[in-house]
Amino acid sequence: VKNEKIPLALVIECGSGQATVEKTNPFFLKIFCGRITGIDVEIFLEEAKRILKPHTGVLVIWTYTFGTLDNPIVDSIYHEFHHGLLFPYWNAKQRLVDDYYELLVSLFPYKSKLRQYTIECQVETTFEHFLGFIETASACRTFRKQNGEQAYQ
């Protein structure tokens, strides 16, 4: 749709969207903003097929990963922490995010029109802010809950 307004769009920030609308195929655009690890992917994609206009509807799914750090030594430590120590504490669907949803691509509707884009974002931060960000990860919270604060420190 070039230079035209999209008449009806739906943005889902959490959940699978199963409670969105009664009608079938009213939407031209459906956007999922977030990490798909917390939803039932099959239900989400079925709902996308149901509510999108056939062959003209657009499904936009985006995510973020923890990325890499400029300092190779710190990046190596972080990578071992994220993919090693925390690995058993991640939700099983976390691997989908780490792989940029590649394993889900075959499930998406309208495969012949599939477009994938990567947008890189560089953020300058302090060590303290980065640690605070990492501590918000579900795997960190699970590790702390199962092993205690002393083991986490």
C-alpha atoms as a PDB file:
ATOM      1  CA  VAL A   1       0.000   0.000   0.000  1.00  0.00           C
ATOM      2  CA  LYS A   2       1.988   2.941  -1.269  1.00  0.00           C
ATOM      3  CA  ASN A   3       1.137   6.463  -0.112  1.00  0.00           C
ATOM      4  CA  GLU A   4      -2.281   5.334   1.067  1.00  0.00           C
ATOM      5  CA  LYS A   5      -3.681   5.326   4.560  1.00  0.00           C
ATOM      6  CA  ILE A   6      -4.220   1.911   6.067  1.00  0.00           C
ATOM      7  CA  PRO A   7      -7.935   1.868   6.882  1.00  0.00           C
ATOM      8  CA  LEU A   8      -7.844  -0.511   9.829  1.00  0.00           C
ATOM      9  CA  ALA A   9      -4.803  -1.637  11.828  1.00  0.00           C
ATOM     10  CA  LEU A  10      -4.334  -3.606  15.030  1.00  0.00           C
ATOM     11  CA  VAL A  11      -1.376  -3.398  17.398  1.00  0.00           C
ATOM     12  CA  ILE A  12      -0.930  -6.206  19.923  1.00  0.00           C
ATOM     13  CA  GLU A  13       1.571  -5.421  22.656  1.00  0.00           C
ATOM     14  CA  CYS A  14       1.031  -8.556  24.680  1.00  0.00           C
ATOM     15  CA  GLY A  15      -1.019 -11.691  24.443  1.00  0.00           C
ATOM     16  CA  SER A  16      -1.848 -13.721  21.375  1.00  0.00           C
ATOM     17  CA  GLY A  17      -4.672 -11.486  20.216  1.00  0.00           C
ATOM     18  CA  GLN A  18      -7.291 -14.203  20.567  1.00  0.00           C
ATOM     19  CA  ALA A  19      -9.753 -11.765  22.128  1.00  0.00           C
ATOM     20  CA  THR A  20      -9.415  -9.012  19.538  1.00  0.00           C
ATOM     21  CA  VAL A  21     -12.488  -8.952  17.304  1.00  0.00           C
ATOM     22  CA  GLU A  22     -15.380 -11.112  16.256  1.00  0.00           C
ATOM     23  CA  LYS A  23     -15.169 -10.415  12.545  1.00  0.00           C
ATOM     24  CA  THR A  24     -12.978 -12.327  10.142  1.00  0.00           C
ATOM     25  CA  ASN A  25     -10.596 -10.477   7.797  1.00  0.00           C
ATOM     26  CA  PRO A  26     -11.291  -6.842   8.754  1.00  0.00           C
ATOM     27  CA  PHE A  27      -7.654  -5.755   9.209  1.00  0.00           C
ATOM     28  CA  PHE A  28      -5.039  -4.687   6.691  1.00  0.00           C
ATOM     29  CA  LEU A  29      -2.224  -4.571   9.245  1.00  0.00           C
ATOM     30  CA  LYS A  30      -1.443  -6.520  12.419  1.00  0.00           C
ATOM     31  CA  ILE A  31       1.629  -5.614  14.463  1.00  0.00           C
ATOM     32  CA  PHE A  32       3.062  -7.662  17.310  1.00  0.00           C
ATOM     33  CA  CYS A  33       5.479  -5.635  19.406  1.00  0.00           C
ATOM     34  CA  GLY A  34       7.286  -7.707  21.930  1.00  0.00           C
ATOM     35  CA  ARG A  35       8.764 -11.035  22.716  1.00  0.00           C
ATOM     36  CA  ILE A  36       6.765 -13.962  21.455  1.00  0.00           C
ATOM     37  CA  THR A  37       8.055 -16.123  24.322  1.00  0.00           C
ATOM     38  CA  GLY A  38       5.034 -15.372  26.475  1.00  0.00           C
ATOM     39  CA  ILE A  39       2.276 -16.319  24.048  1.00  0.00           C
ATOM     40  CA  ASP A  40       0.913 -19.372  22.267  1.00  0.00           C
ATOM     41  CA  VAL A  41       2.470 -18.882  18.825  1.00  0.00           C
ATOM     42  CA  GLU A  42       0.072 -21.214  17.038  1.00  0.00           C
ATOM     43  CA  ILE A  43      -2.989 -19.367  18.364  1.00  0.00           C
ATOM     44  CA  PHE A  44      -1.380 -16.029  17.515  1.00  0.00           C
ATOM     45  CA  LEU A  45      -0.710 -17.039  13.900  1.00  0.00           C
ATOM     46  CA  GLU A  46      -4.165 -18.570  13.475  1.00  0.00           C
ATOM     47  CA  GLU A  47      -5.669 -15.303  14.703  1.00  0.00           C
ATOM     48  CA  ALA A  48      -3.452 -13.399  12.275  1.00  0.00           C
ATOM     49  CA  LYS A  49      -4.767 -15.506   9.395  1.00  0.00           C
ATOM     50  CA  ARG A  50      -8.333 -15.025  10.619  1.00  0.00           C
ATOM     51  CA  ILE A  51      -8.303 -11.260  11.055  1.00  0.00           C
ATOM     52  CA  LEU A  52      -6.024 -10.162   8.200  1.00  0.00           C
ATOM     53  CA  LYS A  53      -7.375  -9.373   4.762  1.00  0.00           C
ATOM     54  CA  PRO A  54      -6.383 -12.343   2.569  1.00  0.00           C
ATOM     55  CA  HIS A  55      -3.278 -11.711   0.442  1.00  0.00           C
ATOM     56  CA  THR A  56      -3.249  -7.966   1.199  1.00  0.00           C
ATOM     57  CA  GLY A  57      -3.006  -8.017   4.987  1.00  0.00           C
ATOM     58  CA  VAL A  58       0.368  -7.306   6.552  1.00  0.00           C
ATOM     59  CA  LEU A  59       1.664  -9.095   9.641  1.00  0.00           C
ATOM     60  CA  VAL A  60       4.542  -7.285  11.355  1.00  0.00           C
ATOM     61  CA  ILE A  61       6.407  -9.085  14.129  1.00  0.00           C
ATOM     62  CA  TRP A  62       9.449  -7.551  15.726  1.00  0.00           C
ATOM     63  CA  THR A  63      11.652  -8.375  18.638  1.00  0.00           C
ATOM     64  CA  TYR A  64      14.945  -7.492  20.203  1.00  0.00           C
ATOM     65  CA  THR A  65      17.807  -9.539  21.512  1.00  0.00           C
ATOM     66  CA  PHE A  66      20.480  -8.693  24.010  1.00  0.00           C
ATOM     67  CA  GLY A  67      23.014  -8.250  21.215  1.00  0.00           C
ATOM     68  CA  THR A  68      26.746  -7.867  21.570  1.00  0.00           C
ATOM     69  CA  LEU A  69      29.035  -5.500  23.410  1.00  0.00           C
ATOM     70  CA  ASP A  70      31.883  -3.449  21.943  1.00  0.00           C
ATOM     71  CA  ASN A  71      34.428  -4.798  24.409  1.00  0.00           C
ATOM     72  CA  PRO A  72      35.265  -8.379  23.261  1.00  0.00           C
ATOM     73  CA  ILE A  73      36.322  -9.547  26.742  1.00  0.00           C
ATOM     74  CA  VAL A  74      33.165  -8.244  28.422  1.00  0.00           C
ATOM     75  CA  ASP A  75      31.081  -9.545  25.493  1.00  0.00           C
ATOM     76  CA  SER A  76      32.586 -13.022  25.953  1.00  0.00           C
ATOM     77  CA  ILE A  77      31.766 -12.986  29.681  1.00  0.00           C
ATOM     78  CA  TYR A  78      28.253 -11.739  28.976  1.00  0.00           C
ATOM     79  CA  HIS A  79      27.735 -14.368  26.244  1.00  0.00           C
ATOM     80  CA  GLU A  80      28.800 -17.166  28.605  1.00  0.00           C
ATOM     81  CA  PHE A  81      26.485 -15.795  31.306  1.00  0.00           C
ATOM     82  CA  HIS A  82      23.494 -15.424  28.952  1.00  0.00           C
ATOM     83  CA  HIS A  83      23.924 -18.607  26.883  1.00  0.00           C
ATOM     84  CA  GLY A  84      25.753 -20.741  29.444  1.00  0.00           C
ATOM     85  CA  LEU A  85      24.904 -20.136  33.084  1.00  0.00           C
ATOM     86  CA  LEU A  86      21.365 -18.864  32.433  1.00  0.00           C
ATOM     87  CA  PHE A  87      20.556 -21.318  29.622  1.00  0.00           C
ATOM     88  CA  PRO A  88      18.558 -23.791  31.758  1.00  0.00           C
ATOM     89  CA  TYR A  89      16.590 -20.928  33.313  1.00  0.00           C
ATOM     90  CA  TRP A  90      15.256 -19.420  30.085  1.00  0.00           C
ATOM     91  CA  ASN A  91      11.740 -20.089  28.873  1.00  0.00           C
ATOM     92  CA  ALA A  92      11.995 -22.737  26.114  1.00  0.00           C
ATOM     93  CA  LYS A  93      10.714 -20.182  23.599  1.00  0.00           C
ATOM     94  CA  GLN A  94      13.692 -17.899  24.305  1.00  0.00           C
ATOM     95  CA  ARG A  95      15.602 -19.773  21.600  1.00  0.00           C
ATOM     96  CA  LEU A  96      13.073 -18.400  19.093  1.00  0.00           C
ATOM     97  CA  VAL A  97      14.046 -14.865  20.076  1.00  0.00           C
ATOM     98  CA  ASP A  98      17.789 -15.582  20.039  1.00  0.00           C
ATOM     99  CA  ASP A  99      17.351 -16.956  16.513  1.00  0.00           C
ATOM    100  CA  TYR A 100      15.324 -13.894  15.414  1.00  0.00           C
ATOM    101  CA  TYR A 101      12.223 -16.092  14.945  1.00  0.00           C
ATOM    102  CA  GLU A 102      13.831 -18.055  12.082  1.00  0.00           C
ATOM    103  CA  LEU A 103      12.182 -21.265  13.323  1.00  0.00           C
ATOM    104  CA  LEU A 104       8.765 -19.597  13.065  1.00  0.00           C
ATOM    105  CA  VAL A 105       9.101 -18.311   9.513  1.00  0.00           C
ATOM    106  CA  SER A 106       7.661 -21.491   8.005  1.00  0.00           C
ATOM    107  CA  LEU A 107       4.492 -20.984  10.094  1.00  0.00           C
ATOM    108  CA  PHE A 108       3.830 -17.417   8.914  1.00  0.00           C
ATOM    109  CA  PRO A 109       0.972 -16.774   6.496  1.00  0.00           C
ATOM    110  CA  TYR A 110       1.659 -15.508   2.963  1.00  0.00           C
ATOM    111  CA  LYS A 111       5.154 -16.998   2.657  1.00  0.00           C
ATOM    112  CA  SER A 112       5.568 -15.825  -0.937  1.00  0.00           C
ATOM    113  CA  LYS A 113       5.447 -12.211   0.255  1.00  0.00           C
ATOM    114  CA  LEU A 114       7.663 -12.669   3.307  1.00  0.00           C
ATOM    115  CA  ARG A 115      10.196  -9.906   3.969  1.00  0.00           C
ATOM    116  CA  GLN A 116      12.673  -9.928   6.812  1.00  0.00           C
ATOM    117  CA  TYR A 117      14.593  -6.896   8.018  1.00  0.00           C
ATOM    118  CA  THR A 118      17.183  -6.379  10.709  1.00  0.00           C
ATOM    119  CA  ILE A 119      17.467  -2.979  12.311  1.00  0.00           C
ATOM    120  CA  GLU A 120      20.582  -2.510  14.372  1.00  0.00           C
ATOM    121  CA  CYS A 121      20.532  -0.155  17.290  1.00  0.00           C
ATOM    122  CA  GLN A 122      23.581   0.926  19.235  1.00  0.00           C
ATOM    123  CA  VAL A 123      23.079   2.121  22.769  1.00  0.00           C
ATOM    124  CA  GLU A 124      25.733   3.680  24.948  1.00  0.00           C
ATOM    125  CA  THR A 125      25.240   2.786  28.569  1.00  0.00           C
ATOM    126  CA  THR A 126      27.029   2.456  31.860  1.00  0.00           C
ATOM    127  CA  PHE A 127      28.002  -0.868  33.372  1.00  0.00           C
ATOM    128  CA  GLU A 128      25.475  -0.336  36.171  1.00  0.00           C
ATOM    129  CA  HIS A 129      22.621   0.316  33.742  1.00  0.00           C
ATOM    130  CA  PHE A 130      23.587  -2.717  31.673  1.00  0.00           C
ATOM    131  CA  LEU A 131      23.600  -4.914  34.786  1.00  0.00           C
ATOM    132  CA  GLY A 132      20.214  -3.521  35.748  1.00  0.00           C
ATOM    133  CA  PHE A 133      18.897  -4.362  32.286  1.00  0.00           C
ATOM    134  CA  ILE A 134      20.226  -7.926  32.490  1.00  0.00           C
ATOM    135  CA  GLU A 135      18.674  -8.396  35.919  1.00  0.00           C
ATOM    136  CA  THR A 136      15.223  -7.753  34.443  1.00  0.00           C
ATOM    137  CA  ALA A 137      15.538 -10.886  32.283  1.00  0.00           C
ATOM    138  CA  SER A 138      13.192 -13.696  33.254  1.00  0.00           C
ATOM    139  CA  ALA A 139      16.089 -16.176  33.394  1.00  0.00           C
ATOM    140  CA  CYS A 140      17.853 -14.032  36.034  1.00  0.00           C
ATOM    141  CA  ARG A 141      14.715 -13.872  38.134  1.00  0.00           C
ATOM    142  CA  THR A 142      14.217 -17.649  37.811  1.00  0.00           C
ATOM    143  CA  PHE A 143      17.869 -18.318  38.715  1.00  0.00           C
ATOM    144  CA  ARG A 144      17.570 -16.106  41.807  1.00  0.00           C
ATOM    145  CA  LYS A 145      14.307 -17.716  42.872  1.00  0.00           C
ATOM    146  CA  GLN A 146      15.656 -21.264  42.504  1.00  0.00           C
ATOM    147  CA  ASN A 147      19.188 -20.714  43.821  1.00  0.00           C
ATOM    148  CA  GLY A 148      18.914 -17.768  46.191  1.00  0.00           C
ATOM    149  CA  GLU A 149      20.538 -14.350  46.304  1.00  0.00           C
ATOM    150  CA  GLN A 150      23.873 -15.639  47.549  1.00  0.00           C
ATOM    151  CA  ALA A 151      24.320 -17.907  44.515  1.00  0.00           C
ATOM    152  CA  TYR A 152      23.328 -15.045  42.225  1.00  0.00           C
ATOM    153  CA  GLN A 153      25.889 -12.637  43.659  1.00  0.00           C
END
